[in-house]
Amino acid sequence: MANSSISAKPYLPYFAVGPFYHRHTATVIWLHGLGDTGQGMRVAANKLSLHPLLGHVKIILPSAPIMPVTGKGRRLMSSWFDCLSFDIENRREDEEGLFRAVGWINEIIQAERKAGIPPSRIIVGGLSQGGALAMLTGLTTAEHLAGVFLLSSYVPLRRKVQDVATNLAARLPLFWGHGKCDGQVKYDFALASAKQLASDLGVRFQLKEKAQTREDLEKNGIDGIRFHSYPSLGHWIAPDELDDLVVWAAYLLPDIKL
């Protein structure tokens, strides 16, 4: 049974981990942040893949292409799209680059479909810039995904959500983890953006400040936006955040017999 591999597809190079315990029946596509690579997400991804309830899940860790980033003085670095500035609340966005990157992720989704994994068994998520790309993929893809997660991230093209979102977007479970000490994507801005997204999509918004449990998911439902708040977390991933993400992902992607 495969547990790690490196691939160089025509769309994006990626590293994959899992499944470690069972036959592959579900996939998570995890997108890194600006300047990182898929390998940089391996430790966090292993936390999911090694969990007993996710032993059937393959985690794909693509790497963004190297490109000049305007907000970094045109410095060459790995980036899903151009960041024209780092004033996320007010900057002009690289809409063309965003949708080009969405195309790359949709190609991975289609490759998984051809390998026997339906989109309803695929979660797309990411950290920071990668989370923004995951969000736009979820809003615009023609596929019925299992869910989307954002970690220390934001909604791209947030003023155009109702214009770009498909009818499937309102049925998309969304996990959003954010730290109150995030110095790059401010917590208050993220919280307001998540609430506005819920309003734009006409879905439920839930603010969560306690550890995620399966019982809570069963009682309150998985639909809409679940915004998880972490008091001491900055712009990175915390162990308790990953614990919450594991519970959410395991609920959406239970193991099945093929």
Protein backbone atom coordinates (compact mmCIF):
# COMPACT_ATOMS: atom_id res chain seq x y z
CA MET A 1 0.00 0.00 0.00
CA ALA A 2 1.45 3.35 -1.03
CA ASN A 3 2.31 5.88 1.66
CA SER A 4 4.31 8.53 -0.19
CA SER A 5 5.10 9.47 -3.74
CA ILE A 6 6.36 12.28 -5.91
CA SER A 7 4.66 13.15 -9.18
CA ALA A 8 5.31 15.63 -11.98
CA LYS A 9 2.04 15.97 -13.87
CA PRO A 10 1.62 18.43 -16.76
CA TYR A 11 -0.28 20.81 -14.46
CA LEU A 12 1.67 20.93 -11.20
CA PRO A 13 4.38 18.89 -9.47
CA TYR A 14 3.11 17.43 -6.24
CA PHE A 15 4.10 15.29 -3.28
CA ALA A 16 1.55 12.88 -1.82
CA VAL A 17 1.28 11.11 1.53
CA GLY A 18 -0.98 8.24 2.47
CA PRO A 19 -3.08 6.31 2.62
CA PHE A 20 -1.25 4.56 5.43
CA TYR A 21 -3.71 1.99 6.76
CA HIS A 22 -6.45 1.22 4.25
CA ARG A 23 -7.39 1.31 0.61
CA HIS A 24 -7.49 4.79 -0.93
CA THR A 25 -11.13 6.00 -0.94
CA ALA A 26 -10.79 9.75 -0.36
CA THR A 27 -8.39 12.61 -1.10
CA VAL A 28 -7.37 15.90 0.47
CA ILE A 29 -5.67 18.49 -1.74
CA TRP A 30 -3.61 20.72 0.58
CA LEU A 31 -2.24 24.00 -0.80
CA HIS A 32 0.75 25.74 0.78
CA GLY A 33 1.24 29.44 1.44
CA LEU A 34 3.31 32.02 -0.41
CA GLY A 35 6.99 31.10 -0.80
CA ASP A 36 6.55 27.53 0.42
CA THR A 37 6.30 24.17 -1.37
CA GLY A 38 4.16 21.09 -1.04
CA GLN A 39 6.95 19.46 0.97
CA GLY A 40 6.63 22.28 3.50
CA MET A 41 3.13 21.07 4.38
CA ARG A 42 4.18 17.45 4.88
CA VAL A 43 4.38 17.49 8.69
CA ALA A 44 0.92 19.00 9.04
CA ALA A 45 -0.48 16.70 6.36
CA ASN A 46 0.91 13.64 8.11
CA LYS A 47 -1.05 14.62 11.21
CA LEU A 48 -4.18 13.99 9.17
CA SER A 49 -3.00 11.03 7.15
CA LEU A 50 -1.66 9.11 10.16
CA HIS A 51 -4.86 9.53 12.15
CA PRO A 52 -6.69 6.20 12.50
CA LEU A 53 -9.94 7.69 11.17
CA LEU A 54 -8.19 9.00 8.04
CA GLY A 55 -6.08 5.99 7.16
CA HIS A 56 -7.90 5.69 3.82
CA VAL A 57 -7.10 9.26 2.73
CA LYS A 58 -4.40 10.33 0.28
CA ILE A 59 -3.16 13.89 0.80
CA ILE A 60 -1.88 15.66 -2.30
CA LEU A 61 0.59 18.48 -1.68
CA PRO A 62 1.11 20.45 -4.91
CA SER A 63 3.82 23.08 -5.32
CA ALA A 64 3.04 26.45 -6.85
CA PRO A 65 5.14 27.68 -9.78
CA ILE A 66 7.91 30.22 -9.33
CA MET A 67 6.84 33.69 -10.43
CA PRO A 68 7.65 37.36 -9.73
CA VAL A 69 5.53 38.67 -6.84
CA THR A 70 4.72 42.36 -7.16
CA GLY A 71 4.25 42.97 -3.45
CA LYS A 72 7.73 41.55 -2.82
CA GLY A 73 9.42 43.89 -5.30
CA ARG A 74 8.99 41.38 -8.15
CA ARG A 75 11.07 38.84 -6.26
CA LEU A 76 10.88 35.33 -7.75
CA MET A 77 9.19 32.90 -5.40
CA SER A 78 6.63 30.11 -5.35
CA SER A 79 3.19 31.66 -5.60
CA TRP A 80 -0.24 30.50 -6.72
CA PHE A 81 -0.99 33.98 -8.10
CA ASP A 82 0.51 37.45 -7.95
CA CYS A 83 0.13 39.37 -4.68
CA LEU A 84 0.00 42.97 -5.87
CA SER A 85 0.43 44.21 -2.30
CA PHE A 86 0.10 42.82 1.22
CA ASP A 87 -2.69 45.14 2.26
CA ILE A 88 -5.16 42.29 1.92
CA GLU A 89 -8.18 44.36 2.94
CA ASN A 90 -7.70 47.02 0.25
CA ARG A 91 -5.43 45.68 -2.47
CA ARG A 92 -6.28 45.09 -6.10
CA GLU A 93 -6.28 41.36 -6.82
CA ASP A 94 -4.74 39.28 -9.57
CA GLU A 95 -8.05 37.92 -10.84
CA GLU A 96 -6.58 36.36 -13.97
CA GLY A 97 -3.89 34.61 -11.96
CA LEU A 98 -6.41 33.39 -9.40
CA PHE A 99 -8.59 31.72 -12.00
CA ARG A 100 -5.57 30.26 -13.78
CA ALA A 101 -4.57 28.62 -10.49
CA VAL A 102 -8.14 27.36 -9.95
CA GLY A 103 -7.75 25.60 -13.29
CA TRP A 104 -4.66 23.79 -12.00
CA ILE A 105 -6.54 22.55 -8.93
CA ASN A 106 -9.49 21.44 -11.03
CA GLU A 107 -7.08 19.39 -13.15
CA ILE A 108 -5.92 17.59 -10.02
CA ILE A 109 -9.55 16.97 -9.07
CA GLN A 110 -10.19 15.49 -12.51
CA ALA A 111 -7.09 13.31 -12.24
CA GLU A 112 -8.41 11.95 -8.95
CA ARG A 113 -11.79 11.33 -10.57
CA LYS A 114 -10.09 9.29 -13.30
CA ALA A 115 -8.30 7.32 -10.58
CA GLY A 116 -11.67 6.39 -9.08
CA ILE A 117 -12.15 9.06 -6.40
CA PRO A 118 -15.36 11.06 -6.97
CA PRO A 119 -15.27 14.82 -6.21
CA SER A 120 -17.71 14.22 -3.34
CA ARG A 121 -14.83 12.35 -1.66
CA ILE A 122 -12.34 15.21 -2.14
CA ILE A 123 -11.57 18.08 0.24
CA VAL A 124 -9.56 21.08 -0.95
CA GLY A 125 -7.87 23.34 1.58
CA GLY A 126 -4.80 25.33 2.38
CA LEU A 127 -2.78 27.76 4.44
CA SER A 128 -2.82 31.52 3.82
CA GLN A 129 -2.51 32.09 0.04
CA GLY A 130 -3.24 28.40 -0.49
CA GLY A 131 -6.41 28.70 1.55
CA ALA A 132 -7.55 31.60 -0.62
CA LEU A 133 -7.05 29.47 -3.73
CA ALA A 134 -8.92 26.58 -2.09
CA MET A 135 -11.78 28.94 -1.30
CA LEU A 136 -12.07 30.22 -4.86
CA THR A 137 -11.88 26.66 -6.17
CA GLY A 138 -14.75 25.67 -3.92
CA LEU A 139 -16.82 28.68 -4.92
CA THR A 140 -16.39 28.22 -8.66
CA THR A 141 -15.79 24.55 -9.46
CA ALA A 142 -18.51 22.64 -11.27
CA GLU A 143 -17.78 19.64 -9.03
CA HIS A 144 -19.63 18.78 -5.83
CA LEU A 145 -16.69 18.69 -3.40
CA ALA A 146 -16.83 17.18 0.08
CA GLY A 147 -15.59 20.41 1.68
CA VAL A 148 -13.06 23.23 1.79
CA PHE A 149 -10.79 24.40 4.62
CA LEU A 150 -8.94 27.67 5.14
CA LEU A 151 -6.17 28.14 7.71
CA SER A 152 -5.03 31.71 8.47
CA SER A 153 -6.53 32.79 5.18
CA TYR A 154 -9.06 35.04 3.46
CA VAL A 155 -11.75 35.14 0.78
CA PRO A 156 -10.32 36.18 -2.60
CA LEU A 157 -12.47 38.40 -4.83
CA ARG A 158 -14.72 38.80 -1.79
CA ARG A 159 -16.72 41.62 -3.40
CA LYS A 160 -17.60 39.33 -6.33
CA VAL A 161 -18.68 36.21 -4.44
CA GLN A 162 -22.26 36.32 -5.67
CA ASP A 163 -21.06 36.83 -9.24
CA VAL A 164 -18.58 33.94 -9.34
CA ALA A 165 -20.14 31.35 -7.00
CA THR A 166 -21.90 28.35 -8.52
CA ASN A 167 -25.12 26.88 -7.16
CA LEU A 168 -23.01 24.18 -5.51
CA ALA A 169 -21.16 26.69 -3.32
CA ALA A 170 -24.05 27.01 -0.86
CA ARG A 171 -23.85 23.26 -0.20
CA LEU A 172 -20.12 23.32 0.55
CA PRO A 173 -19.06 22.61 4.16
CA LEU A 174 -16.33 25.08 5.12
CA PHE A 175 -13.82 24.88 7.97
CA TRP A 176 -12.03 28.18 8.70
CA GLY A 177 -9.31 28.21 11.35
CA HIS A 178 -7.92 31.57 12.39
CA GLY A 179 -5.72 32.90 15.19
CA LYS A 180 -6.49 36.04 17.16
CA CYS A 181 -2.78 36.92 17.01
CA ASP A 182 -2.49 36.69 13.22
CA GLY A 183 -0.35 39.64 12.12
CA GLN A 184 -0.79 39.11 8.37
CA VAL A 185 -4.49 38.37 7.97
CA LYS A 186 -6.04 40.24 10.88
CA TYR A 187 -8.51 38.26 12.95
CA ASP A 188 -11.29 40.88 12.91
CA PHE A 189 -11.03 41.19 9.13
CA ALA A 190 -11.13 37.41 8.69
CA LEU A 191 -14.12 37.05 10.99
CA ALA A 192 -16.03 39.82 9.21
CA SER A 193 -15.14 38.28 5.84
CA ALA A 194 -16.39 34.86 6.92
CA LYS A 195 -19.68 36.33 8.12
CA GLN A 196 -20.07 38.25 4.86
CA LEU A 197 -19.33 35.10 2.88
CA ALA A 198 -22.06 33.27 4.79
CA SER A 199 -24.47 36.10 3.98
CA ASP A 200 -23.47 36.16 0.31
CA LEU A 201 -24.01 32.40 -0.01
CA GLY A 202 -27.10 32.31 2.17
CA VAL A 203 -25.59 29.73 4.52
CA ARG A 204 -25.23 29.34 8.25
CA PHE A 205 -22.28 30.82 10.15
CA GLN A 206 -21.02 29.19 13.36
CA LEU A 207 -18.28 30.65 15.57
CA LYS A 208 -16.40 27.92 17.43
CA GLU A 209 -14.07 28.63 20.35
CA LYS A 210 -13.92 25.15 21.89
CA ALA A 211 -12.34 21.95 20.67
CA GLN A 212 -14.16 20.32 17.76
CA THR A 213 -16.04 17.11 18.57
CA ARG A 214 -17.94 14.66 16.44
CA GLU A 215 -20.88 15.06 18.79
CA ASP A 216 -21.01 18.78 17.98
CA LEU A 217 -21.00 18.03 14.25
CA GLU A 218 -23.78 15.49 14.65
CA LYS A 219 -25.85 17.84 16.80
CA ASN A 220 -25.32 21.13 14.94
CA GLY A 221 -24.66 19.94 11.42
CA ILE A 222 -21.75 20.22 9.03
CA ASP A 223 -23.30 22.69 6.62
CA GLY A 224 -22.22 26.30 6.18
CA ILE A 225 -19.16 28.00 7.65
CA ARG A 226 -17.56 26.83 10.86
CA PHE A 227 -15.13 29.55 11.98
CA HIS A 228 -12.71 28.20 14.60
CA SER A 229 -11.00 30.81 16.74
CA TYR A 230 -7.61 30.26 18.48
CA PRO A 231 -6.59 32.87 21.09
CA SER A 232 -2.78 32.52 20.93
CA LEU A 233 -2.35 31.51 17.28
CA GLY A 234 -0.49 33.71 14.81
CA HIS A 235 -0.05 33.22 11.08
CA TRP A 236 0.77 29.53 11.18
CA ILE A 237 -0.78 26.16 12.01
CA ALA A 238 -1.31 25.04 15.61
CA PRO A 239 -1.69 21.47 16.94
CA ASP A 240 -5.15 22.14 18.37
CA GLU A 241 -6.22 23.56 15.02
CA LEU A 242 -5.09 20.36 13.31
CA ASP A 243 -6.97 18.32 15.91
CA ASP A 244 -10.16 20.20 15.00
CA LEU A 245 -9.48 19.79 11.31
CA VAL A 246 -9.02 16.02 11.72
CA VAL A 247 -12.44 15.67 13.37
CA TRP A 248 -14.11 17.73 10.63
CA ALA A 249 -12.36 15.87 7.79
CA ALA A 250 -13.05 12.44 9.28
CA TYR A 251 -16.73 13.32 9.56
CA LEU A 252 -16.89 14.36 5.89
CA LEU A 253 -14.74 11.51 4.58
CA PRO A 254 -15.66 8.34 6.46
CA ASP A 255 -13.97 5.19 5.26
CA ILE A 256 -16.09 3.14 2.86
CA LYS A 257 -15.91 -0.38 1.52
CA LEU A 258 -15.23 -0.62 -2.20
